[in-house]
Amino acid sequence: MNYDLEERTARFGEIIIDFIKTLERNDLNRPLINQMIRSATSIGANYMEANQASSKKDFMNKIRICGKESNETKHWLRMIVKANEDKKDECKKLWKEAHELTLIFAKITKSSKEKN
């Protein structure tokens, strides 16, 4: 299997967009949705920027941002579950993927530091 992190992060953003479409638009959900869509879709955008980085320092900065955004996405998923108890199972699956991405970006950061 060809492991493509660029595709995986883009697909995660797409899945989040599809999930967001299922949520009711109300005063409680609106800010949660806005925050989550920003964090979840920026993972892939920052990873693409990392792949085009002009320096090792620039690459590492973008990778760290990817990790922060995936970690932040986990928080917003938790808040969405609190506001939408019926979405718990879906959010649990999305949280798991966000967590795996967080671990992947932490590993890239750690491996890169060890090389220097």
C-alpha atoms as a PDB file:
ATOM      1  CA  MET A   1       0.000   0.000   0.000  1.00  0.00           C
ATOM      2  CA  ASN A   2       1.302   3.418  -0.932  1.00  0.00           C
ATOM      3  CA  TYR A   3       1.330   5.535   2.208  1.00  0.00           C
ATOM      4  CA  ASP A   4       0.612   9.124   1.226  1.00  0.00           C
ATOM      5  CA  LEU A   5       0.296  11.579   4.097  1.00  0.00           C
ATOM      6  CA  GLU A   6      -0.682  14.392   1.744  1.00  0.00           C
ATOM      7  CA  GLU A   7      -3.663  12.356   0.546  1.00  0.00           C
ATOM      8  CA  ARG A   8      -4.505  11.224   4.085  1.00  0.00           C
ATOM      9  CA  THR A   9      -4.603  14.761   5.464  1.00  0.00           C
ATOM     10  CA  ALA A  10      -6.658  16.008   2.507  1.00  0.00           C
ATOM     11  CA  ARG A  11      -9.087  13.108   2.890  1.00  0.00           C
ATOM     12  CA  PHE A  12      -9.426  13.846   6.604  1.00  0.00           C
ATOM     13  CA  GLY A  13     -10.390  17.438   5.794  1.00  0.00           C
ATOM     14  CA  GLU A  14     -12.967  16.195   3.274  1.00  0.00           C
ATOM     15  CA  ILE A  15     -14.459  13.753   5.778  1.00  0.00           C
ATOM     16  CA  ILE A  16     -14.712  16.556   8.347  1.00  0.00           C
ATOM     17  CA  ILE A  17     -16.504  18.750   5.777  1.00  0.00           C
ATOM     18  CA  ASP A  18     -18.977  15.937   5.063  1.00  0.00           C
ATOM     19  CA  PHE A  19     -19.505  15.425   8.800  1.00  0.00           C
ATOM     20  CA  ILE A  20     -20.060  19.153   9.401  1.00  0.00           C
ATOM     21  CA  LYS A  21     -22.847  19.099   6.805  1.00  0.00           C
ATOM     22  CA  THR A  22     -24.785  16.728   9.084  1.00  0.00           C
ATOM     23  CA  LEU A  23     -24.750  19.098  12.053  1.00  0.00           C
ATOM     24  CA  GLU A  24     -27.652  21.369  12.866  1.00  0.00           C
ATOM     25  CA  ARG A  25     -26.912  25.052  12.383  1.00  0.00           C
ATOM     26  CA  ASN A  26     -27.741  26.714  15.686  1.00  0.00           C
ATOM     27  CA  ASP A  27     -26.170  29.193  18.089  1.00  0.00           C
ATOM     28  CA  LEU A  28     -24.299  26.460  19.951  1.00  0.00           C
ATOM     29  CA  ASN A  29     -22.928  24.590  16.941  1.00  0.00           C
ATOM     30  CA  ARG A  30     -22.007  27.541  14.733  1.00  0.00           C
ATOM     31  CA  PRO A  31     -18.815  28.604  16.575  1.00  0.00           C
ATOM     32  CA  LEU A  32     -17.786  24.979  17.153  1.00  0.00           C
ATOM     33  CA  ILE A  33     -18.207  24.216  13.461  1.00  0.00           C
ATOM     34  CA  ASN A  34     -16.186  27.280  12.453  1.00  0.00           C
ATOM     35  CA  GLN A  35     -13.331  26.374  14.768  1.00  0.00           C
ATOM     36  CA  MET A  36     -13.237  22.721  13.769  1.00  0.00           C
ATOM     37  CA  ILE A  37     -13.403  23.340  10.041  1.00  0.00           C
ATOM     38  CA  ARG A  38     -10.442  25.701  10.334  1.00  0.00           C
ATOM     39  CA  SER A  39      -8.260  23.375  12.378  1.00  0.00           C
ATOM     40  CA  ALA A  40      -9.142  20.168  10.519  1.00  0.00           C
ATOM     41  CA  THR A  41      -8.695  21.514   7.001  1.00  0.00           C
ATOM     42  CA  SER A  42      -5.507  23.402   7.828  1.00  0.00           C
ATOM     43  CA  ILE A  43      -3.709  20.138   8.662  1.00  0.00           C
ATOM     44  CA  GLY A  44      -3.518  19.210   4.990  1.00  0.00           C
ATOM     45  CA  ALA A  45      -2.825  22.765   3.855  1.00  0.00           C
ATOM     46  CA  ASN A  46       0.122  23.065   6.229  1.00  0.00           C
ATOM     47  CA  TYR A  47       1.419  19.643   5.240  1.00  0.00           C
ATOM     48  CA  MET A  48       1.391  20.694   1.584  1.00  0.00           C
ATOM     49  CA  GLU A  49       3.287  23.858   2.564  1.00  0.00           C
ATOM     50  CA  ALA A  50       5.799  21.737   4.502  1.00  0.00           C
ATOM     51  CA  ASN A  51       6.457  19.683   1.371  1.00  0.00           C
ATOM     52  CA  GLN A  52       7.333  22.893  -0.475  1.00  0.00           C
ATOM     53  CA  ALA A  53       9.349  24.399   2.373  1.00  0.00           C
ATOM     54  CA  SER A  54      12.291  26.607   1.483  1.00  0.00           C
ATOM     55  CA  SER A  55      14.424  25.326   4.361  1.00  0.00           C
ATOM     56  CA  LYS A  56      14.633  22.620   7.021  1.00  0.00           C
ATOM     57  CA  LYS A  57      13.530  25.194   9.614  1.00  0.00           C
ATOM     58  CA  ASP A  58      10.502  26.157   7.498  1.00  0.00           C
ATOM     59  CA  PHE A  59       9.648  22.454   7.031  1.00  0.00           C
ATOM     60  CA  MET A  60       9.789  21.780  10.772  1.00  0.00           C
ATOM     61  CA  ASN A  61       7.681  24.834  11.561  1.00  0.00           C
ATOM     62  CA  LYS A  62       4.931  23.668   9.183  1.00  0.00           C
ATOM     63  CA  ILE A  63       5.070  20.103  10.554  1.00  0.00           C
ATOM     64  CA  ARG A  64       4.688  21.436  14.108  1.00  0.00           C
ATOM     65  CA  ILE A  65       1.681  23.464  12.967  1.00  0.00           C
ATOM     66  CA  CYS A  66       0.180  20.288  11.458  1.00  0.00           C
ATOM     67  CA  GLY A  67       0.530  18.587  14.834  1.00  0.00           C
ATOM     68  CA  LYS A  68      -1.005  21.514  16.689  1.00  0.00           C
ATOM     69  CA  GLU A  69      -3.944  21.704  14.295  1.00  0.00           C
ATOM     70  CA  SER A  70      -4.662  17.971  14.483  1.00  0.00           C
ATOM     71  CA  ASN A  71      -4.490  18.150  18.266  1.00  0.00           C
ATOM     72  CA  GLU A  72      -6.821  21.170  18.283  1.00  0.00           C
ATOM     73  CA  THR A  73      -9.260  19.265  16.054  1.00  0.00           C
ATOM     74  CA  LYS A  74      -9.536  16.625  18.785  1.00  0.00           C
ATOM     75  CA  HIS A  75     -10.643  19.337  21.208  1.00  0.00           C
ATOM     76  CA  TRP A  76     -13.357  20.650  18.869  1.00  0.00           C
ATOM     77  CA  LEU A  77     -14.617  17.129  18.235  1.00  0.00           C
ATOM     78  CA  ARG A  78     -15.001  16.681  21.984  1.00  0.00           C
ATOM     79  CA  MET A  79     -16.962  19.938  22.224  1.00  0.00           C
ATOM     80  CA  ILE A  80     -19.172  18.928  19.295  1.00  0.00           C
ATOM     81  CA  VAL A  81     -20.012  15.674  21.099  1.00  0.00           C
ATOM     82  CA  LYS A  82     -20.968  17.682  24.177  1.00  0.00           C
ATOM     83  CA  ALA A  83     -23.308  19.815  22.064  1.00  0.00           C
ATOM     84  CA  ASN A  84     -24.557  16.902  19.910  1.00  0.00           C
ATOM     85  CA  GLU A  85     -24.665  13.711  21.953  1.00  0.00           C
ATOM     86  CA  ASP A  86     -26.155  11.811  18.991  1.00  0.00           C
ATOM     87  CA  LYS A  87     -22.896  12.342  17.029  1.00  0.00           C
ATOM     88  CA  LYS A  88     -20.701  10.593  19.596  1.00  0.00           C
ATOM     89  CA  ASP A  89     -19.881   7.515  17.492  1.00  0.00           C
ATOM     90  CA  GLU A  90     -18.989   9.541  14.401  1.00  0.00           C
ATOM     91  CA  CYS A  91     -16.873  11.932  16.434  1.00  0.00           C
ATOM     92  CA  LYS A  92     -15.068   9.055  18.116  1.00  0.00           C
ATOM     93  CA  LYS A  93     -13.889   7.768  14.707  1.00  0.00           C
ATOM     94  CA  LEU A  94     -12.850  11.255  13.601  1.00  0.00           C
ATOM     95  CA  TRP A  95     -11.079  11.837  16.921  1.00  0.00           C
ATOM     96  CA  LYS A  96      -9.118   8.617  16.428  1.00  0.00           C
ATOM     97  CA  GLU A  97      -7.881   9.748  13.012  1.00  0.00           C
ATOM     98  CA  ALA A  98      -7.004  13.211  14.366  1.00  0.00           C
ATOM     99  CA  HIS A  99      -5.088  11.516  17.181  1.00  0.00           C
ATOM    100  CA  GLU A 100      -3.176   9.290  14.747  1.00  0.00           C
ATOM    101  CA  LEU A 101      -2.251  12.359  12.701  1.00  0.00           C
ATOM    102  CA  THR A 102      -1.086  14.121  15.881  1.00  0.00           C
ATOM    103  CA  LEU A 103       1.163  11.155  16.677  1.00  0.00           C
ATOM    104  CA  ILE A 104       2.526  11.019  13.115  1.00  0.00           C
ATOM    105  CA  PHE A 105       3.479  14.700  13.157  1.00  0.00           C
ATOM    106  CA  ALA A 106       5.030  14.331  16.627  1.00  0.00           C
ATOM    107  CA  LYS A 107       7.130  11.433  15.303  1.00  0.00           C
ATOM    108  CA  ILE A 108       8.273  13.439  12.269  1.00  0.00           C
ATOM    109  CA  THR A 109       9.260  16.299  14.585  1.00  0.00           C
ATOM    110  CA  LYS A 110      11.113  13.985  16.958  1.00  0.00           C
ATOM    111  CA  SER A 111      12.910  12.113  14.159  1.00  0.00           C
ATOM    112  CA  SER A 112      13.981  15.356  12.569  1.00  0.00           C
ATOM    113  CA  LYS A 113      15.372  16.682  15.872  1.00  0.00           C
ATOM    114  CA  GLU A 114      17.326  13.443  16.401  1.00  0.00           C
ATOM    115  CA  LYS A 115      18.985  13.799  13.001  1.00  0.00           C
ATOM    116  CA  ASN A 116      20.374  17.218  13.949  1.00  0.00           C
END
